[in-house]
Protein backbone atom coordinates (compact mmCIF):
# COMPACT_ATOMS: atom_id res chain seq x y z
CA MET A 1 50.02 195.62 130.59
CA LEU A 2 46.17 194.60 131.09
CA ASN A 3 45.12 194.61 134.54
CA ILE A 4 44.08 191.04 134.67
CA THR A 5 41.53 189.93 137.26
CA VAL A 6 41.27 186.55 138.92
CA PRO A 7 38.38 184.73 137.22
CA ASP A 8 35.43 184.07 139.31
CA PHE A 9 33.07 180.93 138.96
CA ARG A 10 29.52 182.01 139.75
CA SER A 11 29.12 185.32 137.68
CA ALA A 12 28.01 185.33 134.11
CA GLY A 13 30.80 184.22 131.89
CA GLY A 14 32.36 182.50 134.93
CA LEU A 15 33.49 179.16 135.24
CA TYR A 16 30.10 177.50 135.88
CA ASP A 17 28.38 179.43 133.21
CA THR A 18 30.80 178.14 130.51
CA LEU A 19 31.13 174.79 131.85
CA GLU A 20 31.38 172.05 129.00
CA PRO A 21 31.18 168.84 130.80
CA ASP A 22 31.73 166.93 127.24
CA LYS A 23 35.43 167.98 127.47
CA LEU A 24 36.65 166.59 130.81
CA THR A 25 37.51 163.07 131.66
CA ALA A 26 34.54 161.63 132.99
CA ASN A 27 31.86 158.74 132.55
CA ALA A 28 28.33 159.46 130.81
CA GLU A 29 26.58 159.67 134.35
CA GLN A 30 29.36 161.93 135.92
CA LYS A 31 28.94 164.31 132.72
CA GLU A 32 25.15 164.70 132.93
CA MET A 33 25.44 165.37 136.81
CA MET A 34 27.65 168.51 135.82
CA ARG A 35 25.37 169.35 133.13
CA LEU A 36 22.50 169.51 135.34
CA ASP A 37 24.66 171.13 138.18
CA PRO A 38 27.73 172.75 137.07
CA SER A 39 29.04 173.41 140.49
CA ALA A 40 29.28 169.23 140.94
CA VAL A 41 32.71 169.43 139.24
CA PHE A 42 33.98 170.48 142.48
CA ASP A 43 31.98 168.44 144.66
CA LYS A 44 33.95 166.13 147.13
CA HIS A 45 32.07 162.71 146.36
CA LEU A 46 32.81 163.55 142.67
CA PHE A 47 36.26 164.13 143.39
CA LEU A 48 37.08 160.75 145.28
CA GLN A 49 35.55 158.58 142.48
CA ASN A 50 37.24 160.58 139.67
CA PRO A 51 39.58 163.43 140.46
CA LEU A 52 40.17 164.53 136.83
CA PRO A 53 37.37 166.87 136.16
CA CYS A 54 37.97 169.01 139.13
CA LEU A 55 42.05 169.05 138.24
CA GLU A 56 41.08 169.76 134.59
CA CYS A 57 38.88 172.82 135.58
CA LYS A 58 41.42 174.22 138.09
CA ARG A 59 44.25 173.56 135.76
CA PRO A 60 44.35 177.48 134.70
CA PHE A 61 44.10 178.68 137.87
CA ILE A 62 46.34 176.72 139.61
CA LEU A 63 49.31 177.60 137.08
CA GLY A 64 48.37 180.82 136.52
CA THR A 65 48.95 181.45 140.25
CA GLN A 66 52.22 179.76 140.12
CA GLN A 67 52.97 182.10 137.23
CA LYS A 68 51.84 185.04 139.19
CA LYS A 69 49.43 185.74 136.19
CA TRP A 70 47.48 187.57 139.11
CA LYS A 71 49.22 189.58 141.48
CA ALA A 72 49.18 190.82 145.12
CA THR A 73 47.31 194.19 145.67
CA LEU A 74 47.57 197.17 147.94
CA ALA A 75 45.20 195.42 150.07
CA HIS A 76 47.81 192.60 150.39
CA ARG A 77 50.61 194.90 151.17
CA PHE A 78 48.90 196.77 153.79
CA ILE A 79 48.45 193.21 155.37
CA GLU A 80 52.13 192.70 155.16
CA LEU A 81 53.26 195.98 156.27
CA LEU A 82 51.06 195.90 159.39
CA HIS A 83 52.86 193.06 160.30
CA VAL A 84 56.54 194.15 159.46
CA LYS A 85 56.00 197.91 160.73
CA THR A 86 53.86 197.38 163.70
CA GLY A 87 54.30 194.03 164.74
CA LYS A 88 50.72 193.86 165.69
CA LEU A 89 49.28 191.56 163.20
CA THR A 90 47.58 188.48 164.99
CA ARG A 91 46.20 187.02 161.94
CA LEU A 92 45.12 187.35 158.73
CA TYR A 93 41.67 185.40 157.88
CA THR A 94 40.87 185.24 154.24
CA GLN A 95 37.92 183.66 152.42
CA ASN A 96 39.73 184.39 148.91
CA ILE A 97 41.20 180.92 147.80
CA ASP A 98 43.90 182.86 145.13
CA GLY A 99 46.88 182.27 147.56
CA LEU A 100 48.09 185.87 146.43
CA GLU A 101 49.44 186.52 150.17
CA ARG A 102 52.11 183.87 148.87
CA GLN A 103 53.78 186.67 146.95
CA CYS A 104 53.92 188.89 150.33
CA ASP A 105 57.58 187.52 151.33
CA LYS A 106 57.57 189.32 154.79
CA LEU A 107 54.29 187.89 155.92
CA PRO A 108 54.93 184.56 157.46
CA LYS A 109 52.56 181.67 156.33
CA SER A 110 51.59 181.33 159.62
CA PHE A 111 49.87 184.43 159.94
CA VAL A 112 47.28 183.48 157.28
CA VAL A 113 44.18 181.34 157.74
CA PRO A 114 42.75 180.49 154.42
CA VAL A 115 38.97 179.95 155.57
CA HIS A 116 38.10 178.23 152.24
CA GLY A 117 41.64 176.80 151.68
CA SER A 118 44.00 178.08 149.25
CA MET A 119 45.09 177.31 145.39
CA ASP A 120 48.60 177.42 146.36
CA ARG A 121 48.55 174.83 149.16
CA ILE A 122 48.65 171.34 148.25
CA ALA A 123 47.39 168.17 150.29
CA CYS A 124 45.72 164.81 149.88
CA GLU A 125 42.01 165.14 150.29
CA LEU A 126 41.41 161.97 152.09
CA PRO A 127 40.67 162.94 155.88
CA HIS A 128 42.93 160.04 157.28
CA CYS A 129 46.10 161.00 155.17
CA GLN A 130 46.29 164.83 154.31
CA ALA A 131 49.96 164.74 153.42
CA GLU A 132 51.36 167.94 151.73
CA MET A 133 52.89 168.05 148.70
CA ASP A 134 55.23 170.52 147.46
CA TYR A 135 53.38 173.08 145.57
CA ASP A 136 55.86 173.77 142.75
CA GLU A 137 56.13 169.60 142.36
CA PHE A 138 52.42 169.43 142.31
CA CYS A 139 52.40 172.29 139.53
CA GLU A 140 54.86 170.53 137.46
CA LEU A 141 52.95 167.11 137.36
CA MET A 142 49.45 169.29 136.57
CA THR A 143 51.69 170.50 133.51
CA THR A 144 52.73 167.12 132.53
CA GLN A 145 49.83 164.89 133.40
CA ILE A 146 46.45 167.14 133.33
CA LYS A 147 45.29 168.09 129.57
CA ASP A 148 44.09 171.80 129.06
CA ILE A 149 40.34 172.22 128.36
CA THR A 150 40.98 175.57 127.23
CA GLY A 151 43.01 174.73 124.36
CA CYS A 152 45.54 177.55 125.08
CA ASP A 153 48.38 175.19 125.96
CA ASP A 154 50.17 173.31 122.97
CA GLY A 155 52.48 171.72 125.66
CA ALA A 156 49.65 170.06 127.63
CA PRO A 157 49.38 166.35 127.36
CA GLU A 158 46.04 165.25 125.22
CA SER A 159 44.52 163.31 128.05
CA SER A 160 44.82 163.26 131.54
CA THR A 161 46.58 160.86 134.25
CA PRO A 162 45.43 161.32 137.89
CA ILE A 163 48.16 162.77 140.44
CA LYS A 164 49.15 160.04 143.31
CA CYS A 165 49.67 160.87 146.73
CA LYS A 166 53.18 159.84 147.65
CA SER A 167 52.16 158.94 151.10
CA CYS A 168 48.82 157.10 150.83
CA ASN A 169 49.07 156.34 147.28
CA TYR A 170 45.74 157.35 146.33
CA PHE A 171 44.88 159.82 143.43
CA THR A 172 43.56 162.37 146.03
CA VAL A 173 46.23 165.08 145.54
CA LYS A 174 44.71 168.72 145.16
CA PRO A 175 44.61 172.57 146.11
CA THR A 176 43.16 172.54 149.40
CA VAL A 177 40.51 174.66 148.29
CA VAL A 178 37.23 173.47 150.11
CA LEU A 179 35.22 171.35 148.20
CA PHE A 180 31.33 171.11 148.28
CA HIS A 181 30.03 168.63 150.77
CA ALA A 182 33.68 168.95 152.56
CA LYS A 183 34.59 170.49 155.85
CA LEU A 184 36.43 173.75 156.47
CA PRO A 185 39.99 173.25 157.35
CA ALA A 186 40.43 172.42 161.20
CA LEU A 187 42.97 175.32 160.82
CA PHE A 188 40.36 177.91 161.19
CA PHE A 189 38.47 176.66 164.10
CA GLU A 190 41.64 176.15 166.26
CA SER A 191 42.97 179.81 165.23
CA ILE A 192 39.71 181.62 166.54
CA ILE A 193 39.86 180.03 169.75
CA ASP A 194 43.14 181.46 170.45
CA ASP A 195 43.02 184.60 168.47
CA LEU A 196 39.57 186.10 169.04
CA PRO A 197 39.66 186.56 173.09
CA LYS A 198 42.92 188.99 172.87
CA ALA A 199 41.61 190.95 169.78
CA ASP A 200 41.63 194.74 170.18
CA LEU A 201 40.88 195.63 166.95
CA LEU A 202 39.34 193.75 163.98
CA ILE A 203 39.74 195.31 160.25
CA ILE A 204 37.11 193.72 157.77
CA ILE A 205 38.00 194.44 154.26
CA GLY A 206 36.15 193.79 151.19
CA THR A 207 33.47 191.07 152.34
CA SER A 208 29.77 190.98 152.30
CA LEU A 209 29.67 189.43 155.64
CA GLY A 210 27.22 186.99 154.18
CA VAL A 211 28.99 183.46 154.51
CA GLY A 212 29.37 181.49 157.40
CA PRO A 213 31.08 180.36 159.80
CA ALA A 214 33.89 183.09 158.96
CA ASN A 215 31.38 186.29 159.00
CA SER A 216 30.88 184.75 162.70
CA ILE A 217 34.28 186.28 163.63
CA VAL A 218 32.83 189.72 163.99
CA TYR A 219 30.45 188.96 166.85
CA HIS A 220 33.08 186.68 168.80
CA VAL A 221 35.61 189.25 169.60
CA PRO A 222 35.57 190.72 172.73
CA ASP A 223 32.82 193.64 173.48
CA ASP A 224 35.42 196.51 173.43
CA CYS A 225 37.25 195.28 170.22
CA LEU A 226 37.11 198.18 167.64
CA ARG A 227 35.51 197.05 164.37
CA VAL A 228 36.63 198.99 161.10
CA VAL A 229 34.54 198.26 158.01
CA ILE A 230 36.20 198.89 154.80
CA ASN A 231 33.59 198.27 151.89
CA ASN A 232 32.04 200.22 149.08
CA GLU A 233 28.62 199.71 150.86
CA PRO A 234 27.44 198.96 154.92
CA VAL A 235 27.33 194.91 155.49
CA GLY A 236 26.94 192.88 158.56
CA GLN A 237 24.06 194.74 159.82
CA ARG A 238 22.41 191.34 160.96
CA LEU A 239 25.48 190.68 162.73
CA GLY A 240 25.66 193.44 164.89
CA ILE A 241 27.80 196.15 162.85
CA ASP A 242 26.45 199.65 164.02
CA TYR A 243 26.13 202.05 161.15
CA SER A 244 24.26 204.85 163.50
CA ASP A 245 25.80 208.23 163.63
CA GLU A 246 27.43 207.51 166.93
CA PRO A 247 28.38 204.08 167.03
CA ASN A 248 30.04 202.74 170.26
CA ARG A 249 32.81 200.73 168.60
CA ASP A 250 32.18 200.23 164.65
CA TYR A 251 33.82 202.43 161.96
CA PHE A 252 32.88 202.42 158.38
CA ALA A 253 35.18 203.50 155.77
CA ARG A 254 32.97 203.70 152.70
CA GLY A 255 35.16 203.04 149.53
CA SER A 256 37.49 201.06 147.42
CA SER A 257 39.55 199.12 149.76
CA GLU A 258 42.66 199.79 147.52
CA ASN A 259 42.32 203.80 147.93
CA ILE A 260 41.33 203.37 151.47
CA LEU A 261 44.21 201.45 152.49
CA MET A 262 46.59 203.31 150.10
CA ARG A 263 45.54 206.44 151.94
CA LEU A 264 46.09 204.77 155.49
CA MET A 265 49.59 203.39 154.42
CA TYR A 266 50.34 207.13 153.04
CA GLU A 267 49.14 208.37 156.56
CA MET A 268 51.22 205.97 158.26
CA GLY A 269 54.13 206.71 156.52
CA TRP A 270 54.82 203.79 154.62
CA LEU A 271 54.88 205.11 151.07
CA ASP A 272 59.00 204.29 150.88
CA ASP A 273 57.76 200.71 151.77
CA LEU A 274 55.62 200.25 148.82
CA THR A 275 57.93 201.58 146.12
CA SER A 276 60.07 198.26 146.49
CA VAL A 277 56.97 196.30 145.21
CA ILE A 278 55.34 198.64 142.72
CA ASP A 279 56.71 196.62 139.75
CA ASP A 280 55.18 193.68 141.51
CA LEU A 281 51.67 194.99 141.74
CA PRO A 282 48.53 194.93 139.27
CA GLU A 283 47.91 197.70 137.19
CA ARG A 284 45.28 199.86 138.89
CA SER A 285 47.10 199.28 142.24
CA LYS A 286 50.32 200.68 140.59
CA GLU A 287 48.19 203.38 139.31
CA ILE A 288 46.96 204.14 142.66
CA LEU A 289 50.30 204.14 144.26
CA GLN A 290 52.16 206.30 141.71
CA GLN A 291 49.62 209.15 142.31
CA TYR A 292 50.54 209.10 145.83
CA LEU A 293 54.23 209.00 144.99
CA ASN A 294 53.70 211.84 142.41
CA GLU A 295 51.87 214.00 144.99
CA ASP A 296 54.42 213.35 147.55
CA LYS A 297 57.21 214.86 145.21
CA GLU A 298 55.22 218.06 144.72
CA VAL A 299 54.85 218.51 148.71
């Protein structure tokens, strides 16, 4: 099996780089706008005028998430076990929109704050409505009402029909992923008010700390809160993370988050807990876990 990575938007070969507006259901003016600026396909103003380009572009990602085309990694499993084994997890704040946390059955939904929204949570975009829709029901409507611009799904409809909100009857239902010119979820701002003052350990995993306001968490925790950065390179220096030889409260674990967290789970004695999900891991995570299982047998 190939190790499939969740597609991104901005890198070379990503969605913005390969977007073909003429394949989208839009008028001439809207197509020209997306031709000049591909990111406009995810602009809130365009979505409210015409939701189809956004849904057509996201169709492969939405259905791929439902079909578990991409799998929760060892990093996700670490968060899950941190909750299950210690009961000390306050919250997971994630800037990822892939919704892979959904695959961690023992991590309650209430413990996850998707700062930029999530592909697996569905709601009306209108501020006065925001009614939620069942995820699987929405995916079924995506399958039958939204065309496949990639040409890979022979069963997809030839043309797209907007998906209506059952509450307000507008065609404004979508994944809760934050569109350009839209506000971040209120859940983020409400949660940090409750969570941060009582934090005594902040674990920062695989982020550049370059995007606000999520990066503000690192300096809004108490002064005596320990901060652990797990990353391939130092990040967050401008936010006050200390990488000196004798930092007061910061610890830098340099390297791949998968490798570092796997080592930590091994030292915590959680190896047996991971064996039950080994078949649900992506190939690279599975390889790392298998190495530890083999070494443990030899010992």
